Amino acid sequence: MSIKRLESGARMSQATIANGFAFLAGQVATDPTADVEGQTRQVLGEIDRLLAAAGTDKTRILTANVYLADIGTFAQLNKAWDAWVPAEAKPARATIEAKLAAPEYLVEIQVTALL
């Protein structure tokens, strides 16, 4: 089985492709000055970009793990998520309150998709 890695850095790859799946690393906002809804839109855009680079798209996402710095912002996250996720292709999803890598990050999302 071959493994393809996209955008590899010193510690990790942004995506790993193997056995018919694309495994994305947790994505955070490129502009962390935005609120949760804005950061979520940025993250979802990065997910779209990485999935396209892997040869798939959001309609093929199987699972999503969402990490929120403050679970009290759940509704703001969902406002952006609901506008983005296709009604016919909602993945299994978990949402967890967690301390993220830097205090300016309010949301991080990791997905696994079928190619």
Protein backbone atom coordinates (compact mmCIF):
# COMPACT_ATOMS: atom_id res chain seq x y z
CA MET A 1 0.00 0.00 0.00
CA SER A 2 1.39 3.38 -0.96
CA ILE A 3 1.11 6.48 1.19
CA LYS A 4 1.05 10.01 -0.23
CA ARG A 5 1.66 13.01 2.02
CA LEU A 6 0.58 16.55 1.16
CA GLU A 7 2.25 19.71 2.44
CA SER A 8 4.70 17.97 4.75
CA GLY A 9 6.51 20.13 7.27
CA ALA A 10 8.97 19.60 10.09
CA ARG A 11 6.46 17.76 12.30
CA MET A 12 3.49 16.72 10.21
CA SER A 13 1.70 16.60 6.88
CA GLN A 14 -1.49 18.55 6.24
CA ALA A 15 -2.99 15.46 4.62
CA THR A 16 -2.10 11.80 4.27
CA ILE A 17 -3.65 9.68 1.53
CA ALA A 18 -3.73 5.89 1.80
CA ASN A 19 -5.99 2.95 1.01
CA GLY A 20 -8.69 5.10 -0.60
CA PHE A 21 -8.90 7.66 2.21
CA ALA A 22 -7.70 11.22 2.82
CA PHE A 23 -6.81 11.95 6.44
CA LEU A 24 -6.50 15.69 7.10
CA ALA A 25 -4.60 17.19 9.99
CA GLY A 26 -6.51 19.52 12.27
CA GLN A 27 -6.99 22.83 10.48
CA VAL A 28 -7.00 26.22 12.18
CA ALA A 29 -7.75 29.73 10.94
CA THR A 30 -5.25 31.60 8.78
CA ASP A 31 -6.46 34.85 10.40
CA PRO A 32 -7.06 34.11 14.07
CA THR A 33 -8.35 37.64 14.77
CA ALA A 34 -11.79 36.57 13.48
CA ASP A 35 -14.57 35.35 15.77
CA VAL A 36 -15.54 31.66 15.93
CA GLU A 37 -17.87 31.88 12.93
CA GLY A 38 -15.19 33.64 10.86
CA GLN A 39 -12.46 31.23 11.93
CA THR A 40 -14.75 28.29 11.14
CA ARG A 41 -15.37 29.63 7.61
CA GLN A 42 -11.58 29.93 7.12
CA VAL A 43 -10.99 26.41 8.40
CA LEU A 44 -13.69 24.98 6.14
CA GLY A 45 -12.08 26.76 3.18
CA GLU A 46 -8.75 25.12 4.03
CA ILE A 47 -10.48 21.75 4.27
CA ASP A 48 -12.01 22.31 0.81
CA ARG A 49 -8.57 23.22 -0.56
CA LEU A 50 -6.82 20.18 0.93
CA LEU A 51 -9.57 17.78 -0.11
CA ALA A 52 -9.33 19.08 -3.69
CA ALA A 53 -5.55 18.57 -3.61
CA ALA A 54 -6.18 15.00 -2.45
CA GLY A 55 -8.65 14.40 -5.28
CA THR A 56 -11.89 14.45 -3.29
CA ASP A 57 -14.37 16.94 -1.81
CA LYS A 58 -16.61 17.66 1.18
CA THR A 59 -19.40 15.40 -0.10
CA ARG A 60 -17.11 12.45 0.66
CA ILE A 61 -16.20 13.37 4.25
CA LEU A 62 -16.90 10.43 6.54
CA THR A 63 -15.99 11.88 9.94
CA ALA A 64 -15.21 15.27 11.42
CA ASN A 65 -13.71 16.08 14.81
CA VAL A 66 -14.33 19.66 15.89
CA TYR A 67 -12.38 21.22 18.74
CA LEU A 68 -13.71 24.42 20.30
CA ALA A 69 -11.79 26.54 22.77
CA ASP A 70 -15.16 27.46 24.35
CA ILE A 71 -18.16 25.17 23.96
CA GLY A 72 -20.29 28.27 24.54
CA THR A 73 -19.50 29.22 20.92
CA PHE A 74 -21.14 26.04 19.58
CA ALA A 75 -23.96 27.98 17.86
CA GLN A 76 -21.46 30.26 16.07
CA LEU A 77 -19.54 27.21 14.83
CA ASN A 78 -22.75 25.59 13.63
CA LYS A 79 -23.84 28.70 11.73
CA ALA A 80 -20.76 28.42 9.48
CA TRP A 81 -20.84 24.60 9.42
CA ASP A 82 -24.53 24.41 8.42
CA ALA A 83 -23.97 26.83 5.53
CA TRP A 84 -21.04 24.71 4.31
CA VAL A 85 -21.96 21.05 4.74
CA PRO A 86 -24.15 19.57 1.98
CA ALA A 87 -27.56 18.47 3.29
CA GLU A 88 -27.21 15.10 1.56
CA ALA A 89 -23.64 14.47 2.77
CA LYS A 90 -23.49 15.21 6.49
CA PRO A 91 -20.58 13.30 8.06
CA ALA A 92 -20.45 11.72 11.47
CA ARG A 93 -19.19 14.50 13.77
CA ALA A 94 -17.94 15.01 17.30
CA THR A 95 -17.50 18.40 18.95
CA ILE A 96 -15.15 18.69 21.91
CA GLU A 97 -14.16 21.63 24.10
CA ALA A 98 -10.36 21.70 24.20
CA LYS A 99 -7.41 23.92 24.88
CA LEU A 100 -5.96 24.56 21.41
CA ALA A 101 -2.32 25.06 20.40
CA ALA A 102 -2.45 28.86 20.79
CA PRO A 103 -4.98 31.05 22.63
CA GLU A 104 -5.95 32.97 19.48
CA TYR A 105 -7.28 29.79 17.86
CA LEU A 106 -10.95 29.33 18.67
CA VAL A 107 -11.72 26.29 16.50
CA GLU A 108 -9.84 23.40 14.92
CA ILE A 109 -11.38 20.80 12.61
CA GLN A 110 -9.97 17.46 11.46
CA VAL A 111 -11.67 15.30 8.82
CA THR A 112 -11.35 11.95 7.10
CA ALA A 113 -12.75 11.59 3.59
CA LEU A 114 -13.16 8.86 1.03
CA LEU A 115 -11.33 9.43 -2.24
